[in-house]
Amino acid sequence: MEKLSAPIFNSRVKSGTVTKAEKWLGYLLGPAGVLLLNAVLATYLNEGHGLSEL
C-alpha cells in the first residue's frame, strides 16, 4: 500500500476554477480520443476478427 501513497497518485483537485489550458486540453483531446478509438475498432472489425465474418 506504500506505492499508492506516492506523489503521482495525489491528483485531487485543489482549485475551484478551470484554467484556459485545461479547457483547451479537454476540448481537443476528448474528440481526438473518440476518433482514435473509432479508427482502432474499425480496423479490428475490418481485419476479420469481429462482425465482418457474419
PDB file of N, CA and C in Angstrom:
ATOM      1  N   MET A   1       0.813  -1.202   0.000  1.00  0.00           N
ATOM      2  CA  MET A   1       0.000   0.000   0.000  1.00  0.00           C
ATOM      3  C   MET A   1       0.853   1.262   0.000  1.00  0.00           C
ATOM      4  N   GLU A   2       2.144   1.116   0.246  1.00  0.00           N
ATOM      5  CA  GLU A   2       3.007   2.296   0.249  1.00  0.00           C
ATOM      6  C   GLU A   2       3.115   2.904  -1.147  1.00  0.00           C
ATOM      7  N   LYS A   3       3.018   2.084  -2.173  1.00  0.00           N
ATOM      8  CA  LYS A   3       3.128   2.595  -3.532  1.00  0.00           C
ATOM      9  C   LYS A   3       1.956   3.505  -3.883  1.00  0.00           C
ATOM     10  N   LEU A   4       0.797   3.253  -3.289  1.00  0.00           N
ATOM     11  CA  LEU A   4      -0.371   4.076  -3.582  1.00  0.00           C
ATOM     12  C   LEU A   4      -0.303   5.441  -2.915  1.00  0.00           C
ATOM     13  N   SER A   5       0.615   5.621  -2.001  1.00  0.00           N
ATOM     14  CA  SER A   5       0.756   6.928  -1.357  1.00  0.00           C
ATOM     15  C   SER A   5       1.844   7.772  -2.030  1.00  0.00           C
ATOM     16  N   ALA A   6       2.304   7.332  -3.188  1.00  0.00           N
ATOM     17  CA  ALA A   6       3.315   8.086  -3.932  1.00  0.00           C
ATOM     18  C   ALA A   6       2.726   9.409  -4.419  1.00  0.00           C
ATOM     19  N   PRO A   7       3.548  10.422  -4.621  1.00  0.00           N
ATOM     20  CA  PRO A   7       3.058  11.738  -5.056  1.00  0.00           C
ATOM     21  C   PRO A   7       2.312  11.714  -6.390  1.00  0.00           C
ATOM     22  N   ILE A   8       2.612  10.751  -7.250  1.00  0.00           N
ATOM     23  CA  ILE A   8       1.934  10.716  -8.553  1.00  0.00           C
ATOM     24  C   ILE A   8       0.445  10.418  -8.420  1.00  0.00           C
ATOM     25  N   PHE A   9       0.057   9.732  -7.350  1.00  0.00           N
ATOM     26  CA  PHE A   9      -1.343   9.411  -7.135  1.00  0.00           C
ATOM     27  C   PHE A   9      -2.087  10.522  -6.404  1.00  0.00           C
ATOM     28  N   ASN A  10      -1.415  11.587  -6.025  1.00  0.00           N
ATOM     29  CA  ASN A  10      -2.045  12.709  -5.336  1.00  0.00           C
ATOM     30  C   ASN A  10      -2.612  13.660  -6.388  1.00  0.00           C
ATOM     31  N   SER A  11      -3.749  13.276  -6.981  1.00  0.00           N
ATOM     32  CA  SER A  11      -4.304  14.037  -8.097  1.00  0.00           C
ATOM     33  C   SER A  11      -5.599  14.756  -7.730  1.00  0.00           C
ATOM     34  N   ARG A  12      -5.813  14.983  -6.477  1.00  0.00           N
ATOM     35  CA  ARG A  12      -7.038  15.659  -6.049  1.00  0.00           C
ATOM     36  C   ARG A  12      -7.075  17.099  -6.564  1.00  0.00           C
ATOM     37  N   VAL A  13      -8.242  17.532  -6.990  1.00  0.00           N
ATOM     38  CA  VAL A  13      -8.417  18.899  -7.465  1.00  0.00           C
ATOM     39  C   VAL A  13      -8.349  19.839  -6.271  1.00  0.00           C
ATOM     40  N   LYS A  14      -7.495  20.852  -6.381  1.00  0.00           N
ATOM     41  CA  LYS A  14      -7.293  21.752  -5.245  1.00  0.00           C
ATOM     42  C   LYS A  14      -7.857  23.145  -5.494  1.00  0.00           C
ATOM     43  N   SER A  15      -8.327  23.419  -6.726  1.00  0.00           N
ATOM     44  CA  SER A  15      -8.887  24.741  -7.018  1.00  0.00           C
ATOM     45  C   SER A  15     -10.307  24.584  -7.553  1.00  0.00           C
ATOM     46  N   GLY A  16     -11.073  25.617  -7.402  1.00  0.00           N
ATOM     47  CA  GLY A  16     -12.447  25.586  -7.857  1.00  0.00           C
ATOM     48  C   GLY A  16     -12.638  26.105  -9.260  1.00  0.00           C
ATOM     49  N   THR A  17     -11.566  26.521  -9.899  1.00  0.00           N
ATOM     50  CA  THR A  17     -11.675  27.079 -11.242  1.00  0.00           C
ATOM     51  C   THR A  17     -10.923  26.208 -12.241  1.00  0.00           C
ATOM     52  N   VAL A  18     -11.322  26.323 -13.487  1.00  0.00           N
ATOM     53  CA  VAL A  18     -10.661  25.600 -14.571  1.00  0.00           C
ATOM     54  C   VAL A  18      -9.897  26.618 -15.405  1.00  0.00           C
ATOM     55  N   THR A  19      -8.621  26.346 -15.635  1.00  0.00           N
ATOM     56  CA  THR A  19      -7.804  27.282 -16.405  1.00  0.00           C
ATOM     57  C   THR A  19      -8.067  27.115 -17.900  1.00  0.00           C
ATOM     58  N   LYS A  20      -7.631  28.105 -18.676  1.00  0.00           N
ATOM     59  CA  LYS A  20      -7.803  28.044 -20.131  1.00  0.00           C
ATOM     60  C   LYS A  20      -7.070  26.853 -20.728  1.00  0.00           C
ATOM     61  N   ALA A  21      -5.899  26.562 -20.204  1.00  0.00           N
ATOM     62  CA  ALA A  21      -5.127  25.430 -20.720  1.00  0.00           C
ATOM     63  C   ALA A  21      -5.889  24.123 -20.514  1.00  0.00           C
ATOM     64  N   GLU A  22      -6.513  23.968 -19.358  1.00  0.00           N
ATOM     65  CA  GLU A  22      -7.280  22.752 -19.087  1.00  0.00           C
ATOM     66  C   GLU A  22      -8.504  22.667 -19.997  1.00  0.00           C
ATOM     67  N   LYS A  23      -9.135  23.780 -20.264  1.00  0.00           N
ATOM     68  CA  LYS A  23     -10.297  23.792 -21.154  1.00  0.00           C
ATOM     69  C   LYS A  23      -9.897  23.376 -22.563  1.00  0.00           C
ATOM     70  N   TRP A  24      -8.807  23.937 -23.064  1.00  0.00           N
ATOM     71  CA  TRP A  24      -8.360  23.593 -24.411  1.00  0.00           C
ATOM     72  C   TRP A  24      -7.925  22.143 -24.491  1.00  0.00           C
ATOM     73  N   LEU A  25      -7.287  21.661 -23.439  1.00  0.00           N
ATOM     74  CA  LEU A  25      -6.854  20.268 -23.413  1.00  0.00           C
ATOM     75  C   LEU A  25      -8.061  19.344 -23.523  1.00  0.00           C
ATOM     76  N   GLY A  26      -9.096  19.607 -22.757  1.00  0.00           N
ATOM     77  CA  GLY A  26     -10.307  18.799 -22.830  1.00  0.00           C
ATOM     78  C   GLY A  26     -11.037  18.965 -24.144  1.00  0.00           C
ATOM     79  N   TYR A  27     -11.010  20.162 -24.692  1.00  0.00           N
ATOM     80  CA  TYR A  27     -11.702  20.451 -25.940  1.00  0.00           C
ATOM     81  C   TYR A  27     -11.055  19.722 -27.117  1.00  0.00           C
ATOM     82  N   LEU A  28      -9.740  19.583 -27.086  1.00  0.00           N
ATOM     83  CA  LEU A  28      -9.024  18.950 -28.191  1.00  0.00           C
ATOM     84  C   LEU A  28      -8.818  17.447 -27.988  1.00  0.00           C
ATOM     85  N   LEU A  29      -8.484  17.036 -26.783  1.00  0.00           N
ATOM     86  CA  LEU A  29      -8.169  15.628 -26.556  1.00  0.00           C
ATOM     87  C   LEU A  29      -9.402  14.737 -26.476  1.00  0.00           C
ATOM     88  N   GLY A  30     -10.522  15.267 -26.030  1.00  0.00           N
ATOM     89  CA  GLY A  30     -11.737  14.468 -25.950  1.00  0.00           C
ATOM     90  C   GLY A  30     -12.150  13.928 -27.308  1.00  0.00           C
ATOM     91  N   PRO A  31     -12.401  14.797 -28.280  1.00  0.00           N
ATOM     92  CA  PRO A  31     -12.767  14.310 -29.610  1.00  0.00           C
ATOM     93  C   PRO A  31     -11.657  13.506 -30.289  1.00  0.00           C
ATOM     94  N   ALA A  32     -10.413  13.860 -30.057  1.00  0.00           N
ATOM     95  CA  ALA A  32      -9.311  13.112 -30.665  1.00  0.00           C
ATOM     96  C   ALA A  32      -9.281  11.680 -30.131  1.00  0.00           C
ATOM     97  N   GLY A  33      -9.566  11.511 -28.852  1.00  0.00           N
ATOM     98  CA  GLY A  33      -9.618  10.175 -28.267  1.00  0.00           C
ATOM     99  C   GLY A  33     -10.737   9.335 -28.858  1.00  0.00           C
ATOM    100  N   VAL A  34     -11.886   9.964 -29.092  1.00  0.00           N
ATOM    101  CA  VAL A  34     -13.012   9.254 -29.695  1.00  0.00           C
ATOM    102  C   VAL A  34     -12.674   8.841 -31.121  1.00  0.00           C
ATOM    103  N   LEU A  35     -12.045   9.735 -31.877  1.00  0.00           N
ATOM    104  CA  LEU A  35     -11.667   9.395 -33.250  1.00  0.00           C
ATOM    105  C   LEU A  35     -10.632   8.269 -33.288  1.00  0.00           C
ATOM    106  N   LEU A  36      -9.698   8.291 -32.366  1.00  0.00           N
ATOM    107  CA  LEU A  36      -8.690   7.235 -32.308  1.00  0.00           C
ATOM    108  C   LEU A  36      -9.334   5.892 -31.975  1.00  0.00           C
ATOM    109  N   LEU A  37     -10.238   5.879 -31.008  1.00  0.00           N
ATOM    110  CA  LEU A  37     -10.929   4.644 -30.647  1.00  0.00           C
ATOM    111  C   LEU A  37     -11.752   4.121 -31.822  1.00  0.00           C
ATOM    112  N   ASN A  38     -12.414   5.014 -32.534  1.00  0.00           N
ATOM    113  CA  ASN A  38     -13.191   4.624 -33.701  1.00  0.00           C
ATOM    114  C   ASN A  38     -12.294   3.990 -34.760  1.00  0.00           C
ATOM    115  N   ALA A  39     -11.143   4.561 -35.014  1.00  0.00           N
ATOM    116  CA  ALA A  39     -10.221   4.022 -36.013  1.00  0.00           C
ATOM    117  C   ALA A  39      -9.703   2.646 -35.607  1.00  0.00           C
ATOM    118  N   VAL A  40      -9.373   2.489 -34.347  1.00  0.00           N
ATOM    119  CA  VAL A  40      -8.860   1.194 -33.869  1.00  0.00           C
ATOM    120  C   VAL A  40      -9.936   0.123 -33.977  1.00  0.00           C
ATOM    121  N   LEU A  41     -11.153   0.444 -33.552  1.00  0.00           N
ATOM    122  CA  LEU A  41     -12.224  -0.548 -33.623  1.00  0.00           C
ATOM    123  C   LEU A  41     -12.596  -0.873 -35.064  1.00  0.00           C
ATOM    124  N   ALA A  42     -12.618   0.113 -35.935  1.00  0.00           N
ATOM    125  CA  ALA A  42     -12.931  -0.136 -37.337  1.00  0.00           C
ATOM    126  C   ALA A  42     -11.880  -1.039 -37.972  1.00  0.00           C
ATOM    127  N   THR A  43     -10.625  -0.803 -37.666  1.00  0.00           N
ATOM    128  CA  THR A  43      -9.551  -1.642 -38.198  1.00  0.00           C
ATOM    129  C   THR A  43      -9.685  -3.067 -37.675  1.00  0.00           C
ATOM    130  N   TYR A  44      -9.983  -3.196 -36.401  1.00  0.00           N
ATOM    131  CA  TYR A  44     -10.135  -4.522 -35.787  1.00  0.00           C
ATOM    132  C   TYR A  44     -11.284  -5.275 -36.442  1.00  0.00           C
ATOM    133  N   LEU A  45     -12.401  -4.613 -36.644  1.00  0.00           N
ATOM    134  CA  LEU A  45     -13.555  -5.283 -37.238  1.00  0.00           C
ATOM    135  C   LEU A  45     -13.335  -5.601 -38.712  1.00  0.00           C
ATOM    136  N   ASN A  46     -12.621  -4.761 -39.422  1.00  0.00           N
ATOM    137  CA  ASN A  46     -12.379  -4.990 -40.845  1.00  0.00           C
ATOM    138  C   ASN A  46     -11.333  -6.062 -41.114  1.00  0.00           C
ATOM    139  N   GLU A  47     -10.535  -6.395 -40.131  1.00  0.00           N
ATOM    140  CA  GLU A  47      -9.497  -7.416 -40.311  1.00  0.00           C
ATOM    141  C   GLU A  47     -10.051  -8.837 -40.202  1.00  0.00           C
ATOM    142  N   GLY A  48     -11.331  -8.993 -39.940  1.00  0.00           N
ATOM    143  CA  GLY A  48     -11.911 -10.313 -39.861  1.00  0.00           C
ATOM    144  C   GLY A  48     -11.995 -10.872 -38.453  1.00  0.00           C
ATOM    145  N   HIS A  49     -11.783 -10.046 -37.450  1.00  0.00           N
ATOM    146  CA  HIS A  49     -11.845 -10.533 -36.084  1.00  0.00           C
ATOM    147  C   HIS A  49     -13.213 -10.306 -35.450  1.00  0.00           C
ATOM    148  N   GLY A  50     -14.070  -9.631 -36.126  1.00  0.00           N
ATOM    149  CA  GLY A  50     -15.317  -9.251 -35.479  1.00  0.00           C
ATOM    150  C   GLY A  50     -16.519  -9.566 -36.318  1.00  0.00           C
ATOM    151  N   LEU A  51     -17.361  -8.583 -36.493  1.00  0.00           N
ATOM    152  CA  LEU A  51     -18.658  -8.783 -37.120  1.00  0.00           C
ATOM    153  C   LEU A  51     -18.591  -8.915 -38.628  1.00  0.00           C
ATOM    154  N   SER A  52     -17.460  -8.667 -39.250  1.00  0.00           N
ATOM    155  CA  SER A  52     -17.380  -8.722 -40.709  1.00  0.00           C
ATOM    156  C   SER A  52     -17.511 -10.141 -41.241  1.00  0.00           C
ATOM    157  N   GLU A  53     -17.368 -11.155 -40.390  1.00  0.00           N
ATOM    158  CA  GLU A  53     -17.486 -12.545 -40.836  1.00  0.00           C
ATOM    159  C   GLU A  53     -18.926 -13.019 -40.868  1.00  0.00           C
ATOM    160  N   LEU A  54     -19.843 -12.253 -40.360  1.00  0.00           N
ATOM    161  CA  LEU A  54     -21.239 -12.686 -40.328  1.00  0.00           C
ATOM    162  C   LEU A  54     -21.888 -12.651 -41.670  1.00  0.00           C
TER     163      LEU A  54
END
